[in-house]
PDB file of N, CA and C in Angstrom:
ATOM      1  N   MET A   1     -28.044  63.069  28.735  1.00  0.00           N
ATOM      2  CA  MET A   1     -27.873  64.826  28.438  1.00  0.00           C
ATOM      3  C   MET A   1     -27.434  65.149  27.414  1.00  0.00           C
ATOM      4  N   LEU A   2     -27.967  66.386  27.075  1.00  0.00           N
ATOM      5  CA  LEU A   2     -26.581  66.666  26.024  1.00  0.00           C
ATOM      6  C   LEU A   2     -27.196  68.262  26.440  1.00  0.00           C
ATOM      7  N   ARG A   3     -26.072  69.245  26.412  1.00  0.00           N
ATOM      8  CA  ARG A   3     -25.970  70.806  26.222  1.00  0.00           C
ATOM      9  C   ARG A   3     -26.176  71.134  25.080  1.00  0.00           C
ATOM     10  N   VAL A   4     -27.212  72.170  24.883  1.00  0.00           N
ATOM     11  CA  VAL A   4     -27.438  72.686  23.378  1.00  0.00           C
ATOM     12  C   VAL A   4     -26.974  74.123  23.636  1.00  0.00           C
ATOM     13  N   GLY A   5     -27.317  74.403  21.965  1.00  0.00           N
ATOM     14  CA  GLY A   5     -26.821  76.548  22.269  1.00  0.00           C
ATOM     15  C   GLY A   5     -28.150  76.589  21.489  1.00  0.00           C
ATOM     16  N   ASP A   6     -28.920  76.159  21.368  1.00  0.00           N
ATOM     17  CA  ASP A   6     -30.209  76.517  20.733  1.00  0.00           C
ATOM     18  C   ASP A   6     -31.585  76.045  21.100  1.00  0.00           C
ATOM     19  N   LEU A   7     -32.555  75.710  22.444  1.00  0.00           N
ATOM     20  CA  LEU A   7     -33.568  74.857  22.267  1.00  0.00           C
ATOM     21  C   LEU A   7     -34.175  73.851  21.481  1.00  0.00           C
ATOM     22  N   GLN A   8     -34.693  75.725  21.175  1.00  0.00           N
ATOM     23  CA  GLN A   8     -36.194  75.198  19.127  1.00  0.00           C
ATOM     24  C   GLN A   8     -35.090  74.428  18.260  1.00  0.00           C
ATOM     25  N   ARG A   9     -34.097  74.847  17.918  1.00  0.00           N
ATOM     26  CA  ARG A   9     -33.073  74.066  17.209  1.00  0.00           C
ATOM     27  C   ARG A   9     -33.248  72.803  17.509  1.00  0.00           C
ATOM     28  N   SER A  10     -32.741  72.356  18.268  1.00  0.00           N
ATOM     29  CA  SER A  10     -32.178  70.862  18.995  1.00  0.00           C
ATOM     30  C   SER A  10     -33.475  70.404  19.169  1.00  0.00           C
ATOM     31  N   ILE A  11     -34.417  70.909  19.410  1.00  0.00           N
ATOM     32  CA  ILE A  11     -36.437  70.048  19.347  1.00  0.00           C
ATOM     33  C   ILE A  11     -36.616  69.622  17.530  1.00  0.00           C
ATOM     34  N   ASP A  12     -36.389  70.982  17.042  1.00  0.00           N
ATOM     35  CA  ASP A  12     -36.350  70.480  15.547  1.00  0.00           C
ATOM     36  C   ASP A  12     -35.628  69.607  15.241  1.00  0.00           C
ATOM     37  N   PHE A  13     -34.105  69.432  15.513  1.00  0.00           N
ATOM     38  CA  PHE A  13     -33.628  68.254  14.723  1.00  0.00           C
ATOM     39  C   PHE A  13     -34.353  66.891  14.940  1.00  0.00           C
ATOM     40  N   TYR A  14     -33.733  66.736  16.704  1.00  0.00           N
ATOM     41  CA  TYR A  14     -34.835  65.898  17.257  1.00  0.00           C
ATOM     42  C   TYR A  14     -35.932  65.113  16.704  1.00  0.00           C
ATOM     43  N   THR A  15     -36.500  66.446  16.307  1.00  0.00           N
ATOM     44  CA  THR A  15     -38.405  65.732  16.616  1.00  0.00           C
ATOM     45  C   THR A  15     -38.924  65.144  15.002  1.00  0.00           C
ATOM     46  N   ARG A  16     -38.295  66.346  14.023  1.00  0.00           N
ATOM     47  CA  ARG A  16     -38.349  66.835  12.649  1.00  0.00           C
ATOM     48  C   ARG A  16     -37.416  65.878  11.924  1.00  0.00           C
ATOM     49  N   VAL A  17     -36.189  66.070  12.265  1.00  0.00           N
ATOM     50  CA  VAL A  17     -35.010  65.639  11.240  1.00  0.00           C
ATOM     51  C   VAL A  17     -34.956  63.942  11.818  1.00  0.00           C
ATOM     52  N   ILE A  18     -34.774  63.947  13.292  1.00  0.00           N
ATOM     53  CA  ILE A  18     -34.711  62.549  13.272  1.00  0.00           C
ATOM     54  C   ILE A  18     -35.842  61.495  13.636  1.00  0.00           C
ATOM     55  N   GLY A  19     -37.003  62.633  14.080  1.00  0.00           N
ATOM     56  CA  GLY A  19     -38.880  61.457  14.120  1.00  0.00           C
ATOM     57  C   GLY A  19     -38.551  61.415  15.638  1.00  0.00           C
ATOM     58  N   MET A  20     -37.594  61.552  16.566  1.00  0.00           N
ATOM     59  CA  MET A  20     -38.558  62.078  17.985  1.00  0.00           C
ATOM     60  C   MET A  20     -39.197  62.388  18.334  1.00  0.00           C
ATOM     61  N   GLN A  21     -39.739  62.468  19.616  1.00  0.00           N
ATOM     62  CA  GLN A  21     -41.140  62.978  20.075  1.00  0.00           C
ATOM     63  C   GLN A  21     -40.589  63.696  21.123  1.00  0.00           C
ATOM     64  N   LEU A  22     -41.680  65.140  21.432  1.00  0.00           N
ATOM     65  CA  LEU A  22     -41.553  65.739  22.254  1.00  0.00           C
ATOM     66  C   LEU A  22     -41.707  65.638  22.844  1.00  0.00           C
ATOM     67  N   LEU A  23     -41.261  65.091  24.468  1.00  0.00           N
ATOM     68  CA  LEU A  23     -42.046  64.263  25.454  1.00  0.00           C
ATOM     69  C   LEU A  23     -42.844  65.030  26.943  1.00  0.00           C
ATOM     70  N   ARG A  24     -41.592  65.997  26.722  1.00  0.00           N
ATOM     71  CA  ARG A  24     -41.849  67.280  27.991  1.00  0.00           C
ATOM     72  C   ARG A  24     -41.020  68.356  27.843  1.00  0.00           C
ATOM     73  N   THR A  25     -41.257  69.213  29.133  1.00  0.00           N
ATOM     74  CA  THR A  25     -40.135  70.626  28.569  1.00  0.00           C
ATOM     75  C   THR A  25     -40.028  70.764  30.446  1.00  0.00           C
ATOM     76  N   SER A  26     -39.277  71.521  30.474  1.00  0.00           N
ATOM     77  CA  SER A  26     -39.358  71.632  32.248  1.00  0.00           C
ATOM     78  C   SER A  26     -38.614  73.316  32.263  1.00  0.00           C
ATOM     79  N   GLU A  27     -39.219  74.612  33.384  1.00  0.00           N
ATOM     80  CA  GLU A  27     -38.406  75.398  33.225  1.00  0.00           C
ATOM     81  C   GLU A  27     -37.464  75.621  34.762  1.00  0.00           C
ATOM     82  N   ASN A  28     -36.370  76.017  34.803  1.00  0.00           N
ATOM     83  CA  ASN A  28     -36.097  76.167  36.074  1.00  0.00           C
ATOM     84  C   ASN A  28     -35.230  77.978  35.288  1.00  0.00           C
ATOM     85  N   THR A  29     -36.482  79.206  36.542  1.00  0.00           N
ATOM     86  CA  THR A  29     -35.921  80.434  36.279  1.00  0.00           C
ATOM     87  C   THR A  29     -34.898  80.978  37.621  1.00  0.00           C
ATOM     88  N   GLU A  30     -35.180  80.089  38.352  1.00  0.00           N
ATOM     89  CA  GLU A  30     -34.106  80.745  39.904  1.00  0.00           C
ATOM     90  C   GLU A  30     -32.259  80.535  38.741  1.00  0.00           C
ATOM     91  N   TYR A  31     -32.169  78.633  38.003  1.00  0.00           N
ATOM     92  CA  TYR A  31     -31.343  78.841  38.010  1.00  0.00           C
ATOM     93  C   TYR A  31     -30.789  78.806  36.428  1.00  0.00           C
ATOM     94  N   ARG A  32     -31.970  78.994  35.458  1.00  0.00           N
ATOM     95  CA  ARG A  32     -31.830  80.220  34.262  1.00  0.00           C
ATOM     96  C   ARG A  32     -31.338  78.612  32.809  1.00  0.00           C
ATOM     97  N   TYR A  33     -32.582  77.436  33.480  1.00  0.00           N
ATOM     98  CA  TYR A  33     -32.454  76.179  32.350  1.00  0.00           C
ATOM     99  C   TYR A  33     -33.825  76.083  32.150  1.00  0.00           C
ATOM    100  N   THR A  34     -33.300  75.226  30.840  1.00  0.00           N
ATOM    101  CA  THR A  34     -34.981  75.148  30.125  1.00  0.00           C
ATOM    102  C   THR A  34     -34.224  73.725  29.709  1.00  0.00           C
ATOM    103  N   LEU A  35     -35.365  72.580  30.369  1.00  0.00           N
ATOM    104  CA  LEU A  35     -35.198  71.303  29.660  1.00  0.00           C
ATOM    105  C   LEU A  35     -36.705  70.257  29.093  1.00  0.00           C
ATOM    106  N   ALA A  36     -35.290  70.168  27.717  1.00  0.00           N
ATOM    107  CA  ALA A  36     -36.882  69.458  26.944  1.00  0.00           C
ATOM    108  C   ALA A  36     -36.317  67.758  26.882  1.00  0.00           C
ATOM    109  N   PHE A  37     -37.253  66.756  26.954  1.00  0.00           N
ATOM    110  CA  PHE A  37     -36.838  65.882  26.901  1.00  0.00           C
ATOM    111  C   PHE A  37     -37.026  65.301  25.388  1.00  0.00           C
ATOM    112  N   VAL A  38     -36.916  64.379  24.820  1.00  0.00           N
ATOM    113  CA  VAL A  38     -37.179  63.648  23.453  1.00  0.00           C
ATOM    114  C   VAL A  38     -37.108  62.472  23.254  1.00  0.00           C
ATOM    115  N   GLY A  39     -37.973  61.402  22.906  1.00  0.00           N
ATOM    116  CA  GLY A  39     -37.561  60.044  22.090  1.00  0.00           C
ATOM    117  C   GLY A  39     -38.855  59.747  21.410  1.00  0.00           C
ATOM    118  N   PHE A  40     -38.582  58.711  21.376  1.00  0.00           N
ATOM    119  CA  PHE A  40     -39.529  57.620  20.199  1.00  0.00           C
ATOM    120  C   PHE A  40     -40.771  57.069  21.106  1.00  0.00           C
ATOM    121  N   GLY A  41     -40.287  57.021  22.393  1.00  0.00           N
ATOM    122  CA  GLY A  41     -41.496  57.101  23.556  1.00  0.00           C
ATOM    123  C   GLY A  41     -40.833  56.977  24.996  1.00  0.00           C
ATOM    124  N   SER A  42     -42.099  57.074  25.757  1.00  0.00           N
ATOM    125  CA  SER A  42     -41.418  57.338  27.500  1.00  0.00           C
ATOM    126  C   SER A  42     -40.793  56.123  28.009  1.00  0.00           C
ATOM    127  N   ASN A  43     -39.597  56.911  29.107  1.00  0.00           N
ATOM    128  CA  ASN A  43     -39.107  55.654  29.887  1.00  0.00           C
ATOM    129  C   ASN A  43     -40.851  54.970  30.694  1.00  0.00           C
ATOM    130  N   PRO A  44     -40.617  53.324  30.607  1.00  0.00           N
ATOM    131  CA  PRO A  44     -39.602  52.612  31.243  1.00  0.00           C
ATOM    132  C   PRO A  44     -39.630  52.153  29.454  1.00  0.00           C
ATOM    133  N   GLU A  45     -40.306  52.092  28.847  1.00  0.00           N
ATOM    134  CA  GLU A  45     -39.833  51.315  27.195  1.00  0.00           C
ATOM    135  C   GLU A  45     -38.753  51.453  26.384  1.00  0.00           C
ATOM    136  N   HIS A  46     -39.047  53.121  26.495  1.00  0.00           N
ATOM    137  CA  HIS A  46     -37.509  53.959  25.494  1.00  0.00           C
ATOM    138  C   HIS A  46     -36.651  54.374  26.336  1.00  0.00           C
ATOM    139  N   ALA A  47     -35.853  54.795  26.167  1.00  0.00           N
ATOM    140  CA  ALA A  47     -35.409  55.537  26.128  1.00  0.00           C
ATOM    141  C   ALA A  47     -35.248  57.151  26.207  1.00  0.00           C
ATOM    142  N   GLU A  48     -35.033  58.574  26.661  1.00  0.00           N
ATOM    143  CA  GLU A  48     -35.349  59.708  27.028  1.00  0.00           C
ATOM    144  C   GLU A  48     -33.559  60.625  26.850  1.00  0.00           C
ATOM    145  N   LEU A  49     -33.556  61.060  25.593  1.00  0.00           N
ATOM    146  CA  LEU A  49     -32.926  62.072  25.649  1.00  0.00           C
ATOM    147  C   LEU A  49     -32.672  63.385  26.088  1.00  0.00           C
ATOM    148  N   GLU A  50     -32.185  63.649  27.293  1.00  0.00           N
ATOM    149  CA  GLU A  50     -32.293  65.309  27.948  1.00  0.00           C
ATOM    150  C   GLU A  50     -31.830  66.447  27.035  1.00  0.00           C
ATOM    151  N   LEU A  51     -32.211  67.487  26.854  1.00  0.00           N
ATOM    152  CA  LEU A  51     -31.605  68.597  26.450  1.00  0.00           C
ATOM    153  C   LEU A  51     -31.586  69.560  27.276  1.00  0.00           C
ATOM    154  N   THR A  52     -30.262  69.500  27.534  1.00  0.00           N
ATOM    155  CA  THR A  52     -30.545  70.788  28.694  1.00  0.00           C
ATOM    156  C   THR A  52     -29.659  72.486  27.561  1.00  0.00           C
ATOM    157  N   PHE A  53     -30.962  73.703  27.700  1.00  0.00           N
ATOM    158  CA  PHE A  53     -30.229  74.288  27.613  1.00  0.00           C
ATOM    159  C   PHE A  53     -29.793  76.380  28.621  1.00  0.00           C
ATOM    160  N   ASN A  54     -28.768  75.741  28.485  1.00  0.00           N
ATOM    161  CA  ASN A  54     -28.439  76.805  29.733  1.00  0.00           C
ATOM    162  C   ASN A  54     -28.312  78.278  29.254  1.00  0.00           C
ATOM    163  N   TRP A  55     -29.702  79.363  29.922  1.00  0.00           N
ATOM    164  CA  TRP A  55     -30.256  80.909  28.735  1.00  0.00           C
ATOM    165  C   TRP A  55     -28.941  81.141  28.791  1.00  0.00           C
ATOM    166  N   ASP A  56     -27.794  81.671  29.496  1.00  0.00           N
ATOM    167  CA  ASP A  56     -26.783  82.653  28.854  1.00  0.00           C
ATOM    168  C   ASP A  56     -25.266  81.727  27.862  1.00  0.00           C
ATOM    169  N   THR A  57     -25.728  80.500  27.405  1.00  0.00           N
ATOM    170  CA  THR A  57     -24.921  79.684  26.829  1.00  0.00           C
ATOM    171  C   THR A  57     -25.068  79.512  25.562  1.00  0.00           C
ATOM    172  N   THR A  58     -24.928  79.399  24.528  1.00  0.00           N
ATOM    173  CA  THR A  58     -25.381  79.367  22.891  1.00  0.00           C
ATOM    174  C   THR A  58     -24.314  78.599  22.540  1.00  0.00           C
ATOM    175  N   SER A  59     -22.822  78.029  23.217  1.00  0.00           N
ATOM    176  CA  SER A  59     -22.540  77.142  22.491  1.00  0.00           C
ATOM    177  C   SER A  59     -21.769  76.372  23.477  1.00  0.00           C
ATOM    178  N   TYR A  60     -21.094  74.618  23.194  1.00  0.00           N
ATOM    179  CA  TYR A  60     -20.108  74.284  24.095  1.00  0.00           C
ATOM    180  C   TYR A  60     -19.031  73.798  23.396  1.00  0.00           C
ATOM    181  N   ASP A  61     -17.804  73.117  23.840  1.00  0.00           N
ATOM    182  CA  ASP A  61     -16.842  72.186  23.274  1.00  0.00           C
ATOM    183  C   ASP A  61     -17.753  71.376  23.957  1.00  0.00           C
ATOM    184  N   ILE A  62     -17.585  70.097  22.805  1.00  0.00           N
ATOM    185  CA  ILE A  62     -17.981  68.933  22.868  1.00  0.00           C
ATOM    186  C   ILE A  62     -17.222  68.174  24.009  1.00  0.00           C
ATOM    187  N   GLY A  63     -15.904  67.904  23.301  1.00  0.00           N
ATOM    188  CA  GLY A  63     -14.663  67.576  24.536  1.00  0.00           C
ATOM    189  C   GLY A  63     -13.973  66.354  24.353  1.00  0.00           C
ATOM    190  N   THR A  64     -13.801  65.798  24.476  1.00  0.00           N
ATOM    191  CA  THR A  64     -12.044  64.430  24.066  1.00  0.00           C
ATOM    192  C   THR A  64     -12.960  63.077  24.745  1.00  0.00           C
ATOM    193  N   ALA A  65     -13.713  63.231  25.565  1.00  0.00           N
ATOM    194  CA  ALA A  65     -14.203  61.967  25.675  1.00  0.00           C
ATOM    195  C   ALA A  65     -15.616  61.904  26.095  1.00  0.00           C
ATOM    196  N   TYR A  66     -16.321  62.826  25.000  1.00  0.00           N
ATOM    197  CA  TYR A  66     -18.061  62.415  24.426  1.00  0.00           C
ATOM    198  C   TYR A  66     -17.267  61.554  22.592  1.00  0.00           C
ATOM    199  N   GLY A  67     -18.025  60.287  22.832  1.00  0.00           N
ATOM    200  CA  GLY A  67     -18.092  59.673  21.577  1.00  0.00           C
ATOM    201  C   GLY A  67     -19.557  59.946  20.652  1.00  0.00           C
ATOM    202  N   HIS A  68     -20.125  59.876  21.350  1.00  0.00           N
ATOM    203  CA  HIS A  68     -21.475  58.711  20.065  1.00  0.00           C
ATOM    204  C   HIS A  68     -22.828  59.211  20.809  1.00  0.00           C
ATOM    205  N   ILE A  69     -24.064  59.642  20.765  1.00  0.00           N
ATOM    206  CA  ILE A  69     -25.373  58.762  20.789  1.00  0.00           C
ATOM    207  C   ILE A  69     -25.796  57.664  19.712  1.00  0.00           C
ATOM    208  N   ALA A  70     -25.908  56.407  20.261  1.00  0.00           N
ATOM    209  CA  ALA A  70     -26.085  55.214  19.502  1.00  0.00           C
ATOM    210  C   ALA A  70     -28.029  54.910  19.501  1.00  0.00           C
ATOM    211  N   LEU A  71     -28.607  55.013  17.959  1.00  0.00           N
ATOM    212  CA  LEU A  71     -29.912  54.591  18.035  1.00  0.00           C
ATOM    213  C   LEU A  71     -30.106  53.488  17.117  1.00  0.00           C
ATOM    214  N   GLY A  72     -30.463  52.723  17.719  1.00  0.00           N
ATOM    215  CA  GLY A  72     -31.224  51.693  16.930  1.00  0.00           C
ATOM    216  C   GLY A  72     -32.171  51.839  15.969  1.00  0.00           C
ATOM    217  N   VAL A  73     -32.299  52.115  14.644  1.00  0.00           N
ATOM    218  CA  VAL A  73     -33.241  52.128  13.456  1.00  0.00           C
ATOM    219  C   VAL A  73     -33.625  51.177  12.465  1.00  0.00           C
ATOM    220  N   PRO A  74     -34.848  50.728  11.721  1.00  0.00           N
ATOM    221  CA  PRO A  74     -34.923  49.439  11.132  1.00  0.00           C
ATOM    222  C   PRO A  74     -34.496  49.573  10.170  1.00  0.00           C
ATOM    223  N   ASP A  75     -33.978  50.471   9.385  1.00  0.00           N
ATOM    224  CA  ASP A  75     -33.676  50.391   8.095  1.00  0.00           C
ATOM    225  C   ASP A  75     -32.806  51.769   8.155  1.00  0.00           C
ATOM    226  N   VAL A  76     -31.416  51.618   7.976  1.00  0.00           N
ATOM    227  CA  VAL A  76     -30.605  52.533   8.358  1.00  0.00           C
ATOM    228  C   VAL A  76     -29.845  53.888   6.513  1.00  0.00           C
ATOM    229  N   VAL A  77     -30.556  52.930   5.933  1.00  0.00           N
ATOM    230  CA  VAL A  77     -30.287  53.877   4.167  1.00  0.00           C
ATOM    231  C   VAL A  77     -32.009  54.493   4.498  1.00  0.00           C
ATOM    232  N   ALA A  78     -32.585  53.898   4.945  1.00  0.00           N
ATOM    233  CA  ALA A  78     -34.392  54.674   4.917  1.00  0.00           C
ATOM    234  C   ALA A  78     -34.288  56.190   5.880  1.00  0.00           C
ATOM    235  N   THR A  79     -33.545  55.784   6.706  1.00  0.00           N
ATOM    236  CA  THR A  79     -33.279  56.360   7.808  1.00  0.00           C
ATOM    237  C   THR A  79     -32.471  57.503   7.442  1.00  0.00           C
ATOM    238  N   CYS A  80     -31.330  57.669   6.820  1.00  0.00           N
ATOM    239  CA  CYS A  80     -30.319  58.709   6.104  1.00  0.00           C
ATOM    240  C   CYS A  80     -31.064  59.371   5.239  1.00  0.00           C
ATOM    241  N   ASN A  81     -31.816  58.790   3.992  1.00  0.00           N
ATOM    242  CA  ASN A  81     -32.317  59.295   3.052  1.00  0.00           C
ATOM    243  C   ASN A  81     -33.666  60.404   4.093  1.00  0.00           C
ATOM    244  N   LYS A  82     -34.414  59.955   4.350  1.00  0.00           N
ATOM    245  CA  LYS A  82     -35.352  60.230   5.055  1.00  0.00           C
ATOM    246  C   LYS A  82     -34.388  62.184   6.236  1.00  0.00           C
ATOM    247  N   ILE A  83     -33.427  61.791   7.170  1.00  0.00           N
ATOM    248  CA  ILE A  83     -32.390  62.863   7.437  1.00  0.00           C
ATOM    249  C   ILE A  83     -32.422  63.495   6.886  1.00  0.00           C
ATOM    250  N   ARG A  84     -31.482  63.148   5.346  1.00  0.00           N
ATOM    251  CA  ARG A  84     -30.893  64.225   4.741  1.00  0.00           C
ATOM    252  C   ARG A  84     -32.442  64.937   3.881  1.00  0.00           C
ATOM    253  N   HIS A  85     -33.304  63.991   3.185  1.00  0.00           N
ATOM    254  CA  HIS A  85     -34.512  64.811   2.835  1.00  0.00           C
ATOM    255  C   HIS A  85     -35.004  65.905   3.984  1.00  0.00           C
ATOM    256  N   ALA A  86     -34.643  65.707   5.212  1.00  0.00           N
ATOM    257  CA  ALA A  86     -35.615  66.801   6.451  1.00  0.00           C
ATOM    258  C   ALA A  86     -34.548  67.782   6.625  1.00  0.00           C
ATOM    259  N   GLY A  87     -32.871  67.827   5.870  1.00  0.00           N
ATOM    260  CA  GLY A  87     -32.101  69.422   5.971  1.00  0.00           C
ATOM    261  C   GLY A  87     -30.983  68.293   6.632  1.00  0.00           C
ATOM    262  N   GLY A  88     -31.090  67.244   7.347  1.00  0.00           N
ATOM    263  CA  GLY A  88     -30.027  67.243   8.289  1.00  0.00           C
ATOM    264  C   GLY A  88     -28.700  66.375   7.985  1.00  0.00           C
ATOM    265  N   THR A  89     -28.031  66.296   8.129  1.00  0.00           N
ATOM    266  CA  THR A  89     -26.667  65.825   7.069  1.00  0.00           C
ATOM    267  C   THR A  89     -25.782  64.466   7.823  1.00  0.00           C
ATOM    268  N   VAL A  90     -25.506  63.220   6.506  1.00  0.00           N
ATOM    269  CA  VAL A  90     -25.342  62.603   6.857  1.00  0.00           C
ATOM    270  C   VAL A  90     -23.265  62.377   6.807  1.00  0.00           C
ATOM    271  N   THR A  91     -22.949  61.838   7.441  1.00  0.00           N
ATOM    272  CA  THR A  91     -21.236  62.244   7.601  1.00  0.00           C
ATOM    273  C   THR A  91     -20.584  61.181   7.596  1.00  0.00           C
ATOM    274  N   ARG A  92     -21.394  59.929   8.008  1.00  0.00           N
ATOM    275  CA  ARG A  92     -20.585  58.517   7.045  1.00  0.00           C
ATOM    276  C   ARG A  92     -21.713  57.374   6.752  1.00  0.00           C
ATOM    277  N   GLU A  93     -21.796  57.360   5.337  1.00  0.00           N
ATOM    278  CA  GLU A  93     -22.512  56.785   4.341  1.00  0.00           C
ATOM    279  C   GLU A  93     -23.209  55.548   5.030  1.00  0.00           C
ATOM    280  N   PRO A  94     -24.378  54.991   4.641  1.00  0.00           N
ATOM    281  CA  PRO A  94     -24.554  53.341   5.985  1.00  0.00           C
ATOM    282  C   PRO A  94     -23.583  52.372   4.876  1.00  0.00           C
ATOM    283  N   GLY A  95     -23.515  51.148   5.513  1.00  0.00           N
ATOM    284  CA  GLY A  95     -22.421  50.105   5.152  1.00  0.00           C
ATOM    285  C   GLY A  95     -21.736  49.564   6.034  1.00  0.00           C
ATOM    286  N   PRO A  96     -21.038  48.281   6.538  1.00  0.00           N
ATOM    287  CA  PRO A  96     -20.552  46.797   7.235  1.00  0.00           C
ATOM    288  C   PRO A  96     -20.452  48.139   8.567  1.00  0.00           C
ATOM    289  N   VAL A  97     -20.203  47.920   9.943  1.00  0.00           N
ATOM    290  CA  VAL A  97     -19.370  48.356  10.623  1.00  0.00           C
ATOM    291  C   VAL A  97     -18.029  47.563  10.349  1.00  0.00           C
ATOM    292  N   LYS A  98     -16.727  48.559  10.205  1.00  0.00           N
ATOM    293  CA  LYS A  98     -15.049  48.145  10.318  1.00  0.00           C
ATOM    294  C   LYS A  98     -15.098  46.671  11.293  1.00  0.00           C
ATOM    295  N   GLY A  99     -14.897  45.199  10.124  1.00  0.00           N
ATOM    296  CA  GLY A  99     -14.289  44.088  11.034  1.00  0.00           C
ATOM    297  C   GLY A  99     -16.223  43.327  11.141  1.00  0.00           C
ATOM    298  N   GLY A 100     -17.367  43.678  10.721  1.00  0.00           N
ATOM    299  CA  GLY A 100     -18.340  43.741  10.717  1.00  0.00           C
ATOM    300  C   GLY A 100     -19.041  43.425   9.927  1.00  0.00           C
ATOM    301  N   LYS A 101     -20.455  43.200  10.519  1.00  0.00           N
ATOM    302  CA  LYS A 101     -21.853  42.958   8.959  1.00  0.00           C
ATOM    303  C   LYS A 101     -23.004  43.613   9.971  1.00  0.00           C
ATOM    304  N   THR A 102     -22.882  44.770  11.141  1.00  0.00           N
ATOM    305  CA  THR A 102     -23.915  45.459  11.382  1.00  0.00           C
ATOM    306  C   THR A 102     -23.667  46.766  10.373  1.00  0.00           C
ATOM    307  N   VAL A 103     -25.672  47.232   9.814  1.00  0.00           N
ATOM    308  CA  VAL A 103     -25.105  48.473   8.847  1.00  0.00           C
ATOM    309  C   VAL A 103     -25.489  49.351  10.162  1.00  0.00           C
ATOM    310  N   ILE A 104     -24.097  50.437  10.368  1.00  0.00           N
ATOM    311  CA  ILE A 104     -24.377  51.627  10.681  1.00  0.00           C
ATOM    312  C   ILE A 104     -24.405  52.758   9.856  1.00  0.00           C
ATOM    313  N   ALA A 105     -24.449  54.274   9.965  1.00  0.00           N
ATOM    314  CA  ALA A 105     -24.222  55.387   9.519  1.00  0.00           C
ATOM    315  C   ALA A 105     -24.675  55.842  10.244  1.00  0.00           C
ATOM    316  N   PHE A 106     -23.303  56.871  10.149  1.00  0.00           N
ATOM    317  CA  PHE A 106     -23.434  58.355  11.249  1.00  0.00           C
ATOM    318  C   PHE A 106     -23.908  59.804  10.746  1.00  0.00           C
ATOM    319  N   VAL A 107     -24.988  60.701  11.595  1.00  0.00           N
ATOM    320  CA  VAL A 107     -25.298  62.223  11.227  1.00  0.00           C
ATOM    321  C   VAL A 107     -24.833  63.010  12.347  1.00  0.00           C
ATOM    322  N   VAL A 108     -24.898  64.312  12.257  1.00  0.00           N
ATOM    323  CA  VAL A 108     -24.463  65.440  12.872  1.00  0.00           C
ATOM    324  C   VAL A 108     -25.855  66.055  14.037  1.00  0.00           C
ATOM    325  N   ASP A 109     -25.725  66.219  14.943  1.00  0.00           N
ATOM    326  CA  ASP A 109     -26.846  67.190  15.332  1.00  0.00           C
ATOM    327  C   ASP A 109     -26.855  68.854  15.000  1.00  0.00           C
ATOM    328  N   PRO A 110     -27.526  69.609  15.440  1.00  0.00           N
ATOM    329  CA  PRO A 110     -26.835  71.487  15.160  1.00  0.00           C
ATOM    330  C   PRO A 110     -25.763  71.384  16.546  1.00  0.00           C
ATOM    331  N   ASP A 111     -25.293  70.713  17.365  1.00  0.00           N
ATOM    332  CA  ASP A 111     -24.747  70.996  18.028  1.00  0.00           C
ATOM    333  C   ASP A 111     -22.932  71.030  17.995  1.00  0.00           C
ATOM    334  N   GLY A 112     -23.559  69.811  17.162  1.00  0.00           N
ATOM    335  CA  GLY A 112     -22.339  69.072  16.221  1.00  0.00           C
ATOM    336  C   GLY A 112     -22.482  67.766  17.049  1.00  0.00           C
ATOM    337  N   TYR A 113     -23.166  67.414  17.850  1.00  0.00           N
ATOM    338  CA  TYR A 113     -22.817  65.865  18.583  1.00  0.00           C
ATOM    339  C   TYR A 113     -23.313  64.671  17.182  1.00  0.00           C
ATOM    340  N   LYS A 114     -22.180  64.016  17.768  1.00  0.00           N
ATOM    341  CA  LYS A 114     -22.536  62.395  16.213  1.00  0.00           C
ATOM    342  C   LYS A 114     -23.379  61.730  16.812  1.00  0.00           C
ATOM    343  N   ILE A 115     -24.417  61.121  15.770  1.00  0.00           N
ATOM    344  CA  ILE A 115     -25.312  60.186  15.908  1.00  0.00           C
ATOM    345  C   ILE A 115     -25.078  58.376  15.254  1.00  0.00           C
ATOM    346  N   GLU A 116     -24.881  58.008  16.280  1.00  0.00           N
ATOM    347  CA  GLU A 116     -25.169  56.369  15.198  1.00  0.00           C
ATOM    348  C   GLU A 116     -25.992  55.656  15.239  1.00  0.00           C
ATOM    349  N   LEU A 117     -26.312  55.568  13.191  1.00  0.00           N
ATOM    350  CA  LEU A 117     -27.487  54.453  13.591  1.00  0.00           C
ATOM    351  C   LEU A 117     -27.264  53.450  12.762  1.00  0.00           C
ATOM    352  N   ILE A 118     -27.596  52.450  13.882  1.00  0.00           N
ATOM    353  CA  ILE A 118     -27.498  51.452  13.942  1.00  0.00           C
ATOM    354  C   ILE A 118     -28.679  50.308  13.210  1.00  0.00           C
ATOM    355  N   GLN A 119     -28.388  49.457  12.349  1.00  0.00           N
ATOM    356  CA  GLN A 119     -29.874  48.852  11.614  1.00  0.00           C
ATOM    357  C   GLN A 119     -30.358  47.418  12.376  1.00  0.00           C
ATOM    358  N   ARG A 120     -31.336  47.626  13.130  1.00  0.00           N
ATOM    359  CA  ARG A 120     -31.715  46.646  14.462  1.00  0.00           C
ATOM    360  C   ARG A 120     -33.116  46.253  13.382  1.00  0.00           C
ATOM    361  N   PRO A 121     -33.273  45.310  12.360  1.00  0.00           N
ATOM    362  CA  PRO A 121     -34.611  44.904  10.921  1.00  0.00           C
ATOM    363  C   PRO A 121     -35.506  44.823  12.614  1.00  0.00           C
ATOM    364  N   GLU A 122     -35.220  44.427  13.456  1.00  0.00           N
ATOM    365  CA  GLU A 122     -36.645  44.018  15.078  1.00  0.00           C
ATOM    366  C   GLU A 122     -37.123  44.962  15.389  1.00  0.00           C
ATOM    367  N   TYR A 123     -36.489  46.211  14.711  1.00  0.00           N
ATOM    368  CA  TYR A 123     -37.325  47.041  15.489  1.00  0.00           C
ATOM    369  C   TYR A 123     -38.923  47.619  14.138  1.00  0.00           C
ATOM    370  N   ALA A 124     -38.593  46.845  12.678  1.00  0.00           N
ATOM    371  CA  ALA A 124     -39.999  47.432  12.084  1.00  0.00           C
ATOM    372  C   ALA A 124     -41.012  47.248  12.655  1.00  0.00           C
ATOM    373  N   HIS A 125     -41.878  48.106  12.168  1.00  0.00           N
ATOM    374  CA  HIS A 125     -43.057  48.114  12.729  1.00  0.00           C
ATOM    375  C   HIS A 125     -44.393  47.192  11.616  1.00  0.00           C
TER     376      HIS A 125
END
């Protein structure tokens, strides 16, 4: 779950820029929050990311305990190009992980959360 400052901006980023689908939303008027679930598919076959928008909060401190979200993709270079073309920001260009051969890259979402892209050729369709 990520707390986001602008729900529509985050939904747009995860769907249009990253390529996920908006799976469902729910609203709680009593406690003043809205949830949006995004993913590459639904549970249990795919993980889902919960975006939480607390109506009275527009930004958060990410904190030192948070590291990043990791997503497996079939081609890191192609994914970074697609993200850049859609207006996203690549903060670490594709290349091997330090001390290894796995190809990774990093991007950042509109709230500043880091997302690691990990090349997983077996995910290619």
